[in-house]
Amino acid sequence: MKIEMKALAAGPEGIVHPGTRLDVDAKSAKALIDGNFAVEVKAEKAGIGLFRKTKSENAAQRAPEQATLPAGAGSVPMLTTDDV
């Protein structure tokens, strides 16, 4: 059964954020829907298994953010315990 999570869920298979769509067995889906943690999704393609993500983007797929200094800022001096 295909569901969309309404709440954050965490377990041995991973973390599922709100808005993530999953394909879960009927018993698990019923428990999540009855507990108001998820809603049923109809006519959607989904993955297999309890916590398989079908959302196109997750934290592991996004490129990591890179901190950069503004142009002409030069380097930032590093403070040590001797400077305190």
Protein backbone atom coordinates (compact mmCIF):
# COMPACT_ATOMS: atom_id res chain seq x y z
CA MET A 1 0.00 0.00 0.00
CA LYS A 2 1.34 3.43 -0.87
CA ILE A 3 1.38 6.10 1.85
CA GLU A 4 2.70 9.61 2.42
CA MET A 5 4.11 10.36 5.85
CA LYS A 6 2.55 13.22 7.82
CA ALA A 7 4.99 12.93 10.73
CA LEU A 8 8.66 12.12 11.31
CA ALA A 9 9.35 8.41 11.86
CA ALA A 10 12.58 6.71 12.90
CA GLY A 11 13.49 3.06 13.27
CA PRO A 12 16.17 0.47 12.57
CA GLU A 13 15.72 0.90 8.80
CA GLY A 14 16.23 4.67 8.88
CA ILE A 15 14.47 8.00 9.26
CA VAL A 16 11.44 9.05 7.23
CA HIS A 17 10.54 12.74 7.04
CA PRO A 18 7.06 14.19 6.58
CA GLY A 19 6.09 14.27 2.89
CA THR A 20 8.07 11.12 2.03
CA ARG A 21 6.09 8.58 0.02
CA LEU A 22 6.55 4.88 0.80
CA ASP A 23 5.24 1.51 -0.28
CA VAL A 24 4.56 -0.52 2.86
CA ASP A 25 2.70 -3.71 3.70
CA ALA A 26 -1.04 -3.34 4.38
CA LYS A 27 -0.71 -3.98 8.14
CA SER A 28 1.98 -1.28 8.61
CA ALA A 29 0.09 1.15 6.38
CA LYS A 30 -3.13 0.66 8.35
CA ALA A 31 -1.32 1.25 11.65
CA LEU A 32 0.35 4.45 10.37
CA ILE A 33 -2.88 5.76 8.82
CA ASP A 34 -4.99 4.89 11.89
CA GLY A 35 -2.42 6.62 14.10
CA ASN A 36 -2.65 9.74 11.91
CA PHE A 37 1.05 9.45 11.00
CA ALA A 38 0.40 8.93 7.27
CA VAL A 39 -2.21 9.18 4.54
CA GLU A 40 -2.91 6.74 1.71
CA VAL A 41 -1.61 7.69 -1.74
CA LYS A 42 -3.48 6.34 -4.75
CA ALA A 43 -2.11 5.73 -8.27
CA GLU A 44 1.50 6.64 -7.42
CA LYS A 45 4.64 4.69 -8.19
CA ALA A 46 6.52 3.82 -4.98
CA GLY A 47 9.51 1.75 -3.81
CA ILE A 48 9.49 -1.60 -2.04
CA GLY A 49 9.91 -2.22 1.68
CA LEU A 50 8.90 -0.43 4.84
CA PHE A 51 11.21 2.57 4.54
CA ARG A 52 12.10 2.77 0.85
CA LYS A 53 11.97 6.40 -0.22
CA THR A 54 10.31 7.36 -3.46
CA LYS A 55 10.80 11.08 -3.01
CA SER A 56 13.15 12.34 -5.70
CA GLU A 57 15.41 14.22 -3.28
CA ASN A 58 16.70 13.41 0.16
CA ALA A 59 19.60 14.65 2.26
CA ALA A 60 22.02 12.04 0.89
CA GLN A 61 21.34 13.08 -2.72
CA ARG A 62 21.73 16.85 -2.25
CA ALA A 63 25.15 18.34 -2.85
CA PRO A 64 26.77 19.48 0.41
CA GLU A 65 26.80 23.21 1.03
CA GLN A 66 30.16 24.93 0.79
CA ALA A 67 31.01 27.96 2.94
CA THR A 68 33.06 30.57 1.09
CA LEU A 69 34.47 33.95 2.03
CA PRO A 70 33.39 37.04 0.11
CA ALA A 71 35.76 38.15 -2.67
CA GLY A 72 38.71 40.10 -1.28
CA ALA A 73 38.16 38.94 2.30
CA GLY A 74 41.48 37.08 2.47
CA SER A 75 41.99 34.44 5.11
CA VAL A 76 40.56 34.41 8.61
CA PRO A 77 43.14 34.14 11.42
CA MET A 78 42.79 31.03 13.56
CA LEU A 79 42.58 31.63 17.32
CA THR A 80 44.43 29.29 19.65
CA THR A 81 44.31 28.85 23.41
CA ASP A 82 47.52 30.93 23.62
CA ASP A 83 45.62 33.91 22.23
CA VAL A 84 43.06 33.93 25.04
